[in-house]
Amino acid sequence: MGWNQVRLKRVHPVFSGVAPESEFYFVHSFYPAPVGDETIIGTTDHGITFTSVLGEKNLFAVQFHPEKSGPPGLTILKNFCLWEVDDDTENGSISSDQR
């Protein structure tokens, strides 16, 4: 529990504009254990390294609380709302009309 960083394993538009050193608020010790690495977007170290961000096509999930994570978390929420999934690419993009 507490504040910790996410180490991105791949680029995703929902993290656009979020500094790599940003910290996020983690409240509990539950985390996903994906079978393969293809859905892992980010990991966090807290005694062990665990998956803290997952994504595939139009699915995006975080283990931390973005609404309690200050400006970086609010940026993630804003980007999620503006995220346009593109069937031709893995991640899509953030709508430039709404930034």
C-alpha atoms as a PDB file:
ATOM      1  CA  MET A   1       0.000   0.000   0.000  1.00  0.00           C
ATOM      2  CA  GLY A   2       1.102   3.542  -0.649  1.00  0.00           C
ATOM      3  CA  TRP A   3       2.780   5.438  -3.457  1.00  0.00           C
ATOM      4  CA  ASN A   4       4.833   3.667  -6.108  1.00  0.00           C
ATOM      5  CA  GLN A   5       6.000   3.959  -9.711  1.00  0.00           C
ATOM      6  CA  VAL A   6       4.900   2.074 -12.803  1.00  0.00           C
ATOM      7  CA  ARG A   7       7.573   0.918 -15.222  1.00  0.00           C
ATOM      8  CA  LEU A   8       6.079   0.835 -18.686  1.00  0.00           C
ATOM      9  CA  LYS A   9       6.938  -2.229 -20.753  1.00  0.00           C
ATOM     10  CA  ARG A  10       5.350  -0.754 -23.887  1.00  0.00           C
ATOM     11  CA  VAL A  11       3.856   2.507 -25.045  1.00  0.00           C
ATOM     12  CA  HIS A  12       0.126   3.041 -24.608  1.00  0.00           C
ATOM     13  CA  PRO A  13      -1.832   6.234 -25.435  1.00  0.00           C
ATOM     14  CA  VAL A  14      -3.503   6.308 -22.017  1.00  0.00           C
ATOM     15  CA  PHE A  15      -0.067   7.056 -20.498  1.00  0.00           C
ATOM     16  CA  SER A  16       0.552   9.927 -22.940  1.00  0.00           C
ATOM     17  CA  GLY A  17       1.938  12.937 -21.059  1.00  0.00           C
ATOM     18  CA  VAL A  18       2.626  10.979 -17.851  1.00  0.00           C
ATOM     19  CA  ALA A  19       6.243  11.366 -16.706  1.00  0.00           C
ATOM     20  CA  PRO A  20       8.139   8.064 -16.215  1.00  0.00           C
ATOM     21  CA  GLU A  21       8.981   8.985 -12.602  1.00  0.00           C
ATOM     22  CA  SER A  22       5.308   9.573 -11.670  1.00  0.00           C
ATOM     23  CA  GLU A  23       3.985   7.793  -8.613  1.00  0.00           C
ATOM     24  CA  PHE A  24       0.525   6.305  -8.193  1.00  0.00           C
ATOM     25  CA  TYR A  25      -1.549   5.409  -5.157  1.00  0.00           C
ATOM     26  CA  PHE A  26      -1.843   1.672  -4.494  1.00  0.00           C
ATOM     27  CA  VAL A  27      -4.352   0.680  -1.793  1.00  0.00           C
ATOM     28  CA  HIS A  28      -4.297  -3.114  -1.677  1.00  0.00           C
ATOM     29  CA  SER A  29      -2.019  -6.031  -2.435  1.00  0.00           C
ATOM     30  CA  PHE A  30      -4.118  -7.750  -5.109  1.00  0.00           C
ATOM     31  CA  TYR A  31      -2.646  -7.850  -8.615  1.00  0.00           C
ATOM     32  CA  PRO A  32      -3.273  -9.716 -11.879  1.00  0.00           C
ATOM     33  CA  ALA A  33      -1.098 -12.631 -12.931  1.00  0.00           C
ATOM     34  CA  PRO A  34      -1.419 -12.806 -16.726  1.00  0.00           C
ATOM     35  CA  VAL A  35      -0.495 -16.060 -18.434  1.00  0.00           C
ATOM     36  CA  GLY A  36       1.566 -14.306 -21.132  1.00  0.00           C
ATOM     37  CA  ASP A  37       3.453 -11.018 -21.411  1.00  0.00           C
ATOM     38  CA  GLU A  38       1.502  -9.731 -24.421  1.00  0.00           C
ATOM     39  CA  THR A  39      -1.103  -7.920 -22.287  1.00  0.00           C
ATOM     40  CA  ILE A  40       1.334  -6.377 -19.795  1.00  0.00           C
ATOM     41  CA  ILE A  41       1.742  -2.621 -20.230  1.00  0.00           C
ATOM     42  CA  GLY A  42       3.424  -1.841 -16.919  1.00  0.00           C
ATOM     43  CA  THR A  43       4.862  -3.378 -13.771  1.00  0.00           C
ATOM     44  CA  THR A  44       5.573  -2.160 -10.256  1.00  0.00           C
ATOM     45  CA  ASP A  45       8.171  -3.242  -7.708  1.00  0.00           C
ATOM     46  CA  HIS A  46       7.074  -3.651  -4.081  1.00  0.00           C
ATOM     47  CA  GLY A  47       9.004  -6.551  -2.591  1.00  0.00           C
ATOM     48  CA  ILE A  48       8.203  -8.403  -5.831  1.00  0.00           C
ATOM     49  CA  THR A  49       7.643  -7.214  -9.380  1.00  0.00           C
ATOM     50  CA  PHE A  50       3.964  -7.448 -10.299  1.00  0.00           C
ATOM     51  CA  THR A  51       1.757  -6.441 -13.206  1.00  0.00           C
ATOM     52  CA  SER A  52       0.105  -3.097 -12.445  1.00  0.00           C
ATOM     53  CA  VAL A  53      -1.185  -2.141 -15.918  1.00  0.00           C
ATOM     54  CA  LEU A  54      -2.824  -4.427 -18.486  1.00  0.00           C
ATOM     55  CA  GLY A  55      -4.194  -3.734 -21.910  1.00  0.00           C
ATOM     56  CA  GLU A  56      -5.385  -5.473 -25.041  1.00  0.00           C
ATOM     57  CA  LYS A  57      -7.428  -3.948 -27.857  1.00  0.00           C
ATOM     58  CA  ASN A  58     -10.126  -1.857 -26.141  1.00  0.00           C
ATOM     59  CA  LEU A  59      -9.340  -3.170 -22.635  1.00  0.00           C
ATOM     60  CA  PHE A  60      -7.212  -1.098 -20.253  1.00  0.00           C
ATOM     61  CA  ALA A  61      -6.868  -1.808 -16.513  1.00  0.00           C
ATOM     62  CA  VAL A  62      -4.711  -0.508 -13.675  1.00  0.00           C
ATOM     63  CA  GLN A  63      -4.123  -1.953 -10.206  1.00  0.00           C
ATOM     64  CA  PHE A  64      -3.665   1.464  -8.576  1.00  0.00           C
ATOM     65  CA  HIS A  65      -6.274   4.184  -8.005  1.00  0.00           C
ATOM     66  CA  PRO A  66      -5.838   6.856 -10.695  1.00  0.00           C
ATOM     67  CA  GLU A  67      -8.485   9.097  -9.079  1.00  0.00           C
ATOM     68  CA  LYS A  68      -6.350   9.240  -5.899  1.00  0.00           C
ATOM     69  CA  SER A  69      -2.999   9.598  -7.691  1.00  0.00           C
ATOM     70  CA  GLY A  70      -2.915  13.366  -8.196  1.00  0.00           C
ATOM     71  CA  PRO A  71      -2.083  14.981 -11.553  1.00  0.00           C
ATOM     72  CA  PRO A  72      -0.578  11.826 -13.155  1.00  0.00           C
ATOM     73  CA  GLY A  73      -3.705   9.832 -12.304  1.00  0.00           C
ATOM     74  CA  LEU A  74      -5.986  12.573 -13.608  1.00  0.00           C
ATOM     75  CA  THR A  75      -3.982  12.604 -16.854  1.00  0.00           C
ATOM     76  CA  ILE A  76      -4.564   8.853 -17.201  1.00  0.00           C
ATOM     77  CA  LEU A  77      -8.309   9.306 -16.606  1.00  0.00           C
ATOM     78  CA  LYS A  78      -8.472  12.151 -19.140  1.00  0.00           C
ATOM     79  CA  ASN A  79      -6.526  10.135 -21.711  1.00  0.00           C
ATOM     80  CA  PHE A  80      -8.777   7.133 -21.125  1.00  0.00           C
ATOM     81  CA  CYS A  81     -11.847   9.270 -21.843  1.00  0.00           C
ATOM     82  CA  LEU A  82     -10.248  10.600 -25.053  1.00  0.00           C
ATOM     83  CA  TRP A  83      -8.810   7.255 -26.178  1.00  0.00           C
ATOM     84  CA  GLU A  84      -9.941   6.183 -29.628  1.00  0.00           C
ATOM     85  CA  VAL A  85      -9.353   2.496 -30.239  1.00  0.00           C
ATOM     86  CA  ASP A  86      -8.204   1.801 -33.778  1.00  0.00           C
ATOM     87  CA  ASP A  87      -8.917  -1.650 -35.182  1.00  0.00           C
ATOM     88  CA  ASP A  88      -5.818  -1.361 -37.399  1.00  0.00           C
ATOM     89  CA  THR A  89      -3.365  -0.784 -34.546  1.00  0.00           C
ATOM     90  CA  GLU A  90      -2.842  -2.383 -31.167  1.00  0.00           C
ATOM     91  CA  ASN A  91      -3.352   0.735 -29.056  1.00  0.00           C
ATOM     92  CA  GLY A  92      -5.221   3.440 -30.971  1.00  0.00           C
ATOM     93  CA  SER A  93      -4.667   7.115 -30.133  1.00  0.00           C
ATOM     94  CA  ILE A  94      -5.834  10.037 -28.041  1.00  0.00           C
ATOM     95  CA  SER A  95      -8.334  12.275 -29.825  1.00  0.00           C
ATOM     96  CA  SER A  96      -6.527  15.490 -30.748  1.00  0.00           C
ATOM     97  CA  ASP A  97      -9.875  17.338 -30.948  1.00  0.00           C
ATOM     98  CA  GLN A  98     -10.411  17.029 -27.196  1.00  0.00           C
ATOM     99  CA  ARG A  99      -6.948  17.639 -25.691  1.00  0.00           C
END
